[in-house]
Amino acid sequence: MHAVIFCLAGFLFVSAFGALSHFFYKWSGKKKSAALLFAANESTWEHLKLALFPTFLFFAVGLPLIEGENKAVSFFLALAAPMLLIPAVFYSYTALTGEAKLPADILIYFCSVAIAFGLSFRALTGEALPPWCAIAAAVGIALIAICYLTFTFHPPENFLFRDGRTGKYGPS
């Protein structure tokens, strides 16, 4: 599969599946197993799962099919970009406006996913990186997975993990 098709399909899949997955935890009857994969409260951290799980799923299926160099780096960039962009842009605009607006939040989500797959495309079509980059990317991917699995049920008492509606931490 060509990198352009892979990244366009990734953007579409992560955007659509991620947006729909906002409701999966509630639809599951608030099962703990669903909380591991889908947003289990209204915290910023939990909402990053809208991009995280679909990206993991997409790369798990699509990575063996893709042509190009730097597959691990491409995967890492697709995971890390929304994790950095969503909170940075969200907290910047809410600091300026004093409140969150759902249309802006949705736009931030879609733009961050687009940027993530743009970076992923760049990695896939760029020159081969040194082997240590793939190792660093694999370590980064593992750390992201460990953090999400751990912080779902053991969140630090930090603003990123606080449910804005209830003021609580962890699944609602």
Protein backbone atom coordinates (compact mmCIF):
# COMPACT_ATOMS: atom_id res chain seq x y z
CA MET A 1 0.00 0.00 0.00
CA HIS A 2 1.33 3.43 -0.88
CA ALA A 3 2.05 5.89 1.95
CA VAL A 4 -0.41 8.49 0.68
CA ILE A 5 -3.30 6.01 0.67
CA PHE A 6 -2.22 4.60 4.04
CA CYS A 7 -2.09 8.03 5.71
CA LEU A 8 -5.33 9.26 4.14
CA ALA A 9 -7.09 6.07 5.23
CA GLY A 10 -5.52 6.47 8.68
CA PHE A 11 -6.77 10.03 9.00
CA LEU A 12 -10.30 9.03 7.95
CA PHE A 13 -10.39 5.94 10.18
CA VAL A 14 -8.96 7.61 13.30
CA SER A 15 -11.15 10.68 12.83
CA ALA A 16 -14.39 8.74 12.40
CA PHE A 17 -13.77 5.85 14.80
CA GLY A 18 -12.29 8.19 17.41
CA ALA A 19 -15.23 10.58 17.29
CA LEU A 20 -17.70 7.71 17.59
CA SER A 21 -15.66 6.06 20.38
CA HIS A 22 -16.41 9.04 22.63
CA PHE A 23 -19.62 7.19 23.52
CA PHE A 24 -18.35 3.58 23.74
CA TYR A 25 -17.61 3.59 27.48
CA LYS A 26 -21.10 4.79 28.32
CA TRP A 27 -22.68 2.41 25.79
CA SER A 28 -20.77 -0.49 27.37
CA GLY A 29 -22.54 0.09 30.69
CA LYS A 30 -19.32 1.64 32.01
CA LYS A 31 -17.38 -1.63 31.97
CA LYS A 32 -13.78 -1.49 33.18
CA SER A 33 -12.58 -3.24 30.05
CA ALA A 34 -14.08 -0.46 27.92
CA ALA A 35 -12.44 2.19 30.13
CA LEU A 36 -9.02 0.86 29.13
CA LEU A 37 -9.64 1.71 25.48
CA PHE A 38 -12.18 4.53 25.42
CA ALA A 39 -12.70 7.86 27.20
CA ALA A 40 -14.07 7.02 30.65
CA ASN A 41 -14.61 10.58 31.88
CA GLU A 42 -14.46 14.16 30.63
CA SER A 43 -10.77 14.79 31.43
CA THR A 44 -8.33 15.91 28.78
CA TRP A 45 -6.26 12.75 29.31
CA GLU A 46 -9.19 10.43 28.73
CA HIS A 47 -10.20 12.34 25.61
CA LEU A 48 -6.78 11.69 24.13
CA LYS A 49 -7.95 8.08 23.86
CA LEU A 50 -10.20 9.24 21.00
CA ALA A 51 -7.02 9.39 18.91
CA LEU A 52 -4.91 6.82 20.74
CA PHE A 53 -6.87 3.56 20.48
CA PRO A 54 -7.96 4.05 16.85
CA THR A 55 -4.35 4.84 15.91
CA PHE A 56 -3.10 1.69 17.65
CA LEU A 57 -5.80 -0.33 15.88
CA PHE A 58 -5.12 1.21 12.47
CA PHE A 59 -1.37 0.63 12.66
CA ALA A 60 -1.79 -2.90 14.01
CA VAL A 61 -3.77 -3.79 10.90
CA GLY A 62 -2.14 -1.53 8.34
CA LEU A 63 1.55 -1.43 9.24
CA PRO A 64 2.40 -4.78 7.63
CA LEU A 65 0.76 -3.58 4.40
CA ILE A 66 2.55 -0.27 4.07
CA GLU A 67 5.52 0.41 1.83
CA GLY A 68 8.22 2.76 2.93
CA GLU A 69 10.92 3.39 5.49
CA ASN A 70 10.65 4.41 9.11
CA LYS A 71 7.49 2.50 10.00
CA ALA A 72 8.06 2.62 13.78
CA VAL A 73 8.80 6.35 13.66
CA SER A 74 5.69 6.89 11.55
CA PHE A 75 3.61 5.01 14.14
CA PHE A 76 5.14 6.93 17.04
CA LEU A 77 4.50 10.30 15.38
CA ALA A 78 0.87 9.38 14.69
CA LEU A 79 0.42 8.58 18.41
CA ALA A 80 2.45 11.39 19.93
CA ALA A 81 1.29 14.35 17.83
CA PRO A 82 -2.32 14.41 19.10
CA MET A 83 -1.09 13.81 22.66
CA LEU A 84 0.94 17.01 22.43
CA LEU A 85 -1.26 19.12 20.16
CA ILE A 86 -4.69 18.56 21.72
CA PRO A 87 -3.78 19.68 25.26
CA ALA A 88 -1.51 22.50 24.04
CA VAL A 89 -4.12 24.04 21.75
CA PHE A 90 -7.07 23.32 24.08
CA TYR A 91 -5.45 24.92 27.14
CA SER A 92 -4.14 27.83 25.06
CA TYR A 93 -7.49 28.79 23.60
CA THR A 94 -9.40 28.25 26.86
CA ALA A 95 -6.86 30.43 28.67
CA LEU A 96 -7.56 33.19 26.15
CA THR A 97 -11.34 32.80 25.94
CA GLY A 98 -12.06 31.62 29.47
CA GLU A 99 -14.20 28.70 28.31
CA ALA A 100 -14.22 25.60 26.16
CA LYS A 101 -16.40 25.47 23.06
CA LEU A 102 -17.41 22.12 21.61
CA PRO A 103 -16.96 23.15 17.93
CA ALA A 104 -13.42 24.34 18.71
CA ASP A 105 -12.66 21.11 20.60
CA ILE A 106 -13.88 19.02 17.67
CA LEU A 107 -11.82 21.09 15.22
CA ILE A 108 -8.73 20.67 17.41
CA TYR A 109 -9.26 16.90 17.39
CA PHE A 110 -9.57 16.63 13.60
CA CYS A 111 -6.67 19.02 12.95
CA SER A 112 -4.39 17.16 15.35
CA VAL A 113 -5.21 13.84 13.69
CA ALA A 114 -4.54 15.42 10.27
CA ILE A 115 -1.18 16.76 11.46
CA ALA A 116 -0.36 13.37 13.01
CA PHE A 117 -0.90 11.57 9.72
CA GLY A 118 0.92 14.32 7.84
CA LEU A 119 3.95 13.68 10.05
CA SER A 120 3.46 9.95 9.62
CA PHE A 121 3.45 10.40 5.84
CA ARG A 122 6.61 12.48 6.02
CA ALA A 123 8.36 9.75 8.00
CA LEU A 124 7.20 7.00 5.63
CA THR A 125 8.32 8.83 2.51
CA GLY A 126 11.53 10.31 3.90
CA GLU A 127 15.01 8.89 3.79
CA ALA A 128 15.72 5.91 5.99
CA LEU A 129 16.57 6.99 9.51
CA PRO A 130 19.29 5.34 11.61
CA PRO A 131 18.24 2.14 13.38
CA TRP A 132 18.32 3.82 16.81
CA CYS A 133 15.34 5.96 15.70
CA ALA A 134 13.20 2.85 15.27
CA ILE A 135 14.29 1.62 18.70
CA ALA A 136 13.50 4.98 20.31
CA ALA A 137 10.11 5.04 18.54
CA ALA A 138 9.29 1.52 19.76
CA VAL A 139 10.19 2.51 23.32
CA GLY A 140 8.02 5.62 22.97
CA ILE A 141 5.08 3.57 21.68
CA ALA A 142 5.44 1.14 24.60
CA LEU A 143 5.61 3.99 27.13
CA ILE A 144 2.47 5.58 25.69
CA ALA A 145 0.62 2.26 25.96
CA ILE A 146 1.82 1.68 29.54
CA CYS A 147 0.80 5.20 30.59
CA TYR A 148 -2.68 4.84 29.15
CA LEU A 149 -3.26 1.45 30.71
CA THR A 150 -1.92 2.63 34.07
CA PHE A 151 -3.41 6.12 34.27
CA THR A 152 -6.93 4.97 33.41
CA PHE A 153 -7.35 3.44 36.85
CA HIS A 154 -4.52 5.20 38.72
CA PRO A 155 -4.55 8.77 37.44
CA PRO A 156 -2.27 11.34 39.04
CA GLU A 157 -4.11 14.20 40.74
CA ASN A 158 -3.24 16.66 38.00
CA PHE A 159 -5.44 18.95 35.90
CA LEU A 160 -4.96 16.76 32.80
CA PHE A 161 -6.62 13.83 34.57
CA ARG A 162 -9.42 15.72 36.37
CA ASP A 163 -12.93 15.29 35.01
CA GLY A 164 -14.11 18.84 34.32
CA ARG A 165 -17.73 17.97 35.06
CA THR A 166 -17.37 15.99 38.29
CA GLY A 167 -13.98 17.14 39.59
CA LYS A 168 -13.04 13.49 40.10
CA TYR A 169 -10.22 11.34 38.74
CA GLY A 170 -10.56 7.98 36.98
CA PRO A 171 -13.55 6.35 35.30
CA SER A 172 -16.91 7.90 36.15
